[in-house]
Amino acid sequence: MAAGRRRARRPQPSHRYPRTARLDEVVLEVLAAEIERLDDPRLELVTLTGCEVTSDLAYATVWYTSHGSDAAAGMALAKAAARLRGVLGRSVRVKQVPELTFKVDPSISTGERIDSLLRGDGRRADSLEDSFQADQRPEPDQRSRGEQS
């Protein structure tokens, strides 16, 4: 390098969250758009709820829910994984296109279970009310302790 020249500095991005978090959102958007274009009836009522890409970009776990059969939707997503990965490679500029794994999102069923418990539709044996009643002891009577008036 010549003494009078300085190397131009690349501008630093002003992102407030890590690259993998941004990539998670982009992958989710691209895959959701492509799933709408697929002609598979098992994927009609599938919603992608989340995505997590590993820091080395080798793997991506995509969570989904289905209003139909979760097993059928999972098989359809596994069958379409290669095509979805290809679309992802053409849409997103990354060094390595992650291998896709699809999993049923447990948070939806957990939320529904909590909601039904809060509404009183169901009771569990270890609910808060049961444990509260088991811990209550009758208060001792003042006179039964030998106190005399």
Protein backbone atom coordinates (compact mmCIF):
# COMPACT_ATOMS: atom_id res chain seq x y z
CA MET A 1 0.00 0.00 0.00
CA ALA A 2 1.20 3.47 -0.75
CA ALA A 3 1.89 5.73 2.19
CA GLY A 4 -0.70 8.32 1.18
CA ARG A 5 -3.58 5.91 0.62
CA ARG A 6 -5.85 4.60 3.26
CA ARG A 7 -7.95 1.54 2.97
CA ALA A 8 -11.64 2.32 2.81
CA ARG A 9 -13.49 0.97 5.79
CA ARG A 10 -16.62 -0.97 5.27
CA PRO A 11 -19.59 0.62 6.97
CA GLN A 12 -20.61 -1.26 10.08
CA PRO A 13 -24.21 -2.42 10.13
CA SER A 14 -26.39 -0.85 12.76
CA HIS A 15 -28.34 -4.02 13.52
CA ARG A 16 -29.41 -4.47 17.08
CA TYR A 17 -29.77 -8.23 17.02
CA PRO A 18 -27.55 -11.03 15.74
CA ARG A 19 -27.34 -12.20 12.17
CA THR A 20 -28.86 -15.59 12.96
CA ALA A 21 -31.97 -13.91 14.37
CA ARG A 22 -32.36 -11.88 11.18
CA LEU A 23 -31.77 -15.03 9.13
CA ASP A 24 -34.41 -16.88 11.16
CA GLU A 25 -37.00 -14.31 10.09
CA VAL A 26 -35.96 -14.35 6.43
CA VAL A 27 -35.97 -18.16 6.25
CA LEU A 28 -39.42 -18.25 7.84
CA GLU A 29 -40.80 -15.71 5.35
CA VAL A 30 -39.32 -17.45 2.29
CA LEU A 31 -40.49 -20.91 3.37
CA ALA A 32 -44.00 -19.70 4.26
CA ALA A 33 -44.37 -18.05 0.86
CA GLU A 34 -43.17 -21.18 -0.94
CA ILE A 35 -45.43 -23.52 1.06
CA GLU A 36 -48.42 -21.49 -0.17
CA ARG A 37 -47.33 -22.23 -3.75
CA LEU A 38 -46.96 -25.99 -3.24
CA ASP A 39 -49.77 -28.13 -4.58
CA ASP A 40 -50.09 -30.57 -1.68
CA PRO A 41 -53.45 -30.77 0.11
CA ARG A 42 -51.72 -31.85 3.34
CA LEU A 43 -50.06 -28.41 3.50
CA GLU A 44 -53.18 -26.31 3.05
CA LEU A 45 -53.73 -25.67 6.75
CA VAL A 46 -50.08 -25.56 7.84
CA THR A 47 -48.68 -22.48 9.55
CA LEU A 48 -44.97 -21.98 10.14
CA THR A 49 -44.58 -20.56 13.63
CA GLY A 50 -40.84 -20.26 14.14
CA CYS A 51 -37.38 -20.96 12.84
CA GLU A 52 -33.97 -21.36 14.42
CA VAL A 53 -30.84 -21.45 12.28
CA THR A 54 -27.63 -22.70 13.89
CA SER A 55 -24.75 -20.24 14.10
CA ASP A 56 -22.72 -22.18 11.51
CA LEU A 57 -25.74 -22.07 9.12
CA ALA A 58 -25.63 -25.84 8.69
CA TYR A 59 -29.08 -26.62 10.08
CA ALA A 60 -32.43 -24.89 10.47
CA THR A 61 -35.25 -26.16 12.64
CA VAL A 62 -38.65 -24.93 11.47
CA TRP A 63 -41.66 -25.24 13.80
CA TYR A 64 -45.15 -25.60 12.40
CA THR A 65 -48.75 -26.16 13.40
CA SER A 66 -51.48 -27.80 11.40
CA HIS A 67 -55.23 -27.63 11.74
CA GLY A 68 -55.36 -31.07 10.17
CA SER A 69 -53.14 -34.01 10.93
CA ASP A 70 -49.72 -33.03 12.29
CA ALA A 71 -48.26 -36.35 11.12
CA ALA A 72 -49.50 -35.90 7.55
CA ALA A 73 -48.25 -32.32 7.47
CA GLY A 74 -44.88 -33.44 8.81
CA MET A 75 -44.55 -36.06 6.08
CA ALA A 76 -45.50 -33.53 3.40
CA LEU A 77 -42.96 -31.02 4.73
CA ALA A 78 -40.24 -33.67 4.86
CA LYS A 79 -41.04 -34.64 1.26
CA ALA A 80 -40.87 -30.98 0.16
CA ALA A 81 -37.70 -30.19 2.17
CA ALA A 82 -35.33 -30.51 -0.80
CA ARG A 83 -37.43 -28.20 -2.94
CA LEU A 84 -37.82 -25.71 -0.09
CA ARG A 85 -34.07 -25.75 0.50
CA GLY A 86 -33.49 -25.01 -3.20
CA VAL A 87 -35.88 -22.07 -3.11
CA LEU A 88 -34.16 -20.86 0.03
CA GLY A 89 -30.76 -21.05 -1.69
CA ARG A 90 -32.02 -18.97 -4.61
CA SER A 91 -33.75 -16.39 -2.39
CA VAL A 92 -31.28 -15.82 0.44
CA ARG A 93 -27.65 -14.88 0.00
CA VAL A 94 -25.73 -17.04 2.47
CA LYS A 95 -22.52 -19.05 2.29
CA GLN A 96 -24.29 -22.28 3.11
CA VAL A 97 -27.97 -23.10 2.74
CA PRO A 98 -29.10 -24.83 5.95
CA GLU A 99 -30.51 -28.35 6.00
CA LEU A 100 -34.18 -28.10 6.99
CA THR A 101 -35.80 -30.03 9.82
CA PHE A 102 -39.51 -29.62 10.56
CA LYS A 103 -40.98 -30.10 14.04
CA VAL A 104 -44.48 -29.68 15.46
CA ASP A 105 -44.66 -26.54 17.60
CA PRO A 106 -45.60 -27.62 21.15
CA SER A 107 -46.34 -24.10 22.33
CA ILE A 108 -49.73 -24.02 20.61
CA SER A 109 -51.06 -27.14 22.34
CA THR A 110 -49.50 -26.04 25.63
CA GLY A 111 -51.21 -22.65 25.34
CA GLU A 112 -54.54 -24.30 24.58
CA ARG A 113 -54.15 -26.57 27.63
CA ILE A 114 -53.33 -23.62 29.88
CA ASP A 115 -56.27 -21.69 28.46
CA SER A 116 -58.68 -24.54 29.16
CA LEU A 117 -57.35 -24.84 32.72
CA LEU A 118 -57.79 -21.13 33.31
CA ARG A 119 -61.33 -21.23 31.96
CA GLY A 120 -62.16 -24.11 34.27
CA ASP A 121 -62.91 -26.59 31.48
CA GLY A 122 -60.66 -29.20 32.99
CA ARG A 123 -59.02 -30.00 36.30
CA ARG A 124 -55.73 -31.56 37.07
CA ALA A 125 -55.06 -33.53 40.20
CA ASP A 126 -52.10 -31.33 41.04
CA SER A 127 -53.81 -28.01 40.43
CA LEU A 128 -53.18 -25.04 42.68
CA GLU A 129 -56.59 -25.36 44.39
CA ASP A 130 -55.98 -29.00 45.31
CA SER A 131 -52.58 -28.28 46.80
CA PHE A 132 -53.97 -25.28 48.68
CA GLN A 133 -56.76 -27.37 50.22
CA ALA A 134 -54.31 -30.09 51.23
CA ASP A 135 -52.10 -27.57 53.01
CA GLN A 136 -54.94 -26.05 55.03
CA ARG A 137 -55.10 -27.33 58.53
CA PRO A 138 -57.86 -26.60 60.97
CA GLU A 139 -56.88 -23.84 63.33
CA PRO A 140 -56.49 -25.04 66.88
CA ASP A 141 -59.15 -23.90 69.27
CA GLN A 142 -57.86 -21.59 71.97
CA ARG A 143 -59.66 -23.55 74.70
CA SER A 144 -58.32 -26.93 73.58
CA ARG A 145 -54.73 -25.88 74.41
CA GLY A 146 -55.44 -25.90 78.06
CA GLU A 147 -56.15 -22.22 78.38
CA GLN A 148 -58.82 -21.56 80.89
CA SER A 149 -60.95 -18.51 81.06
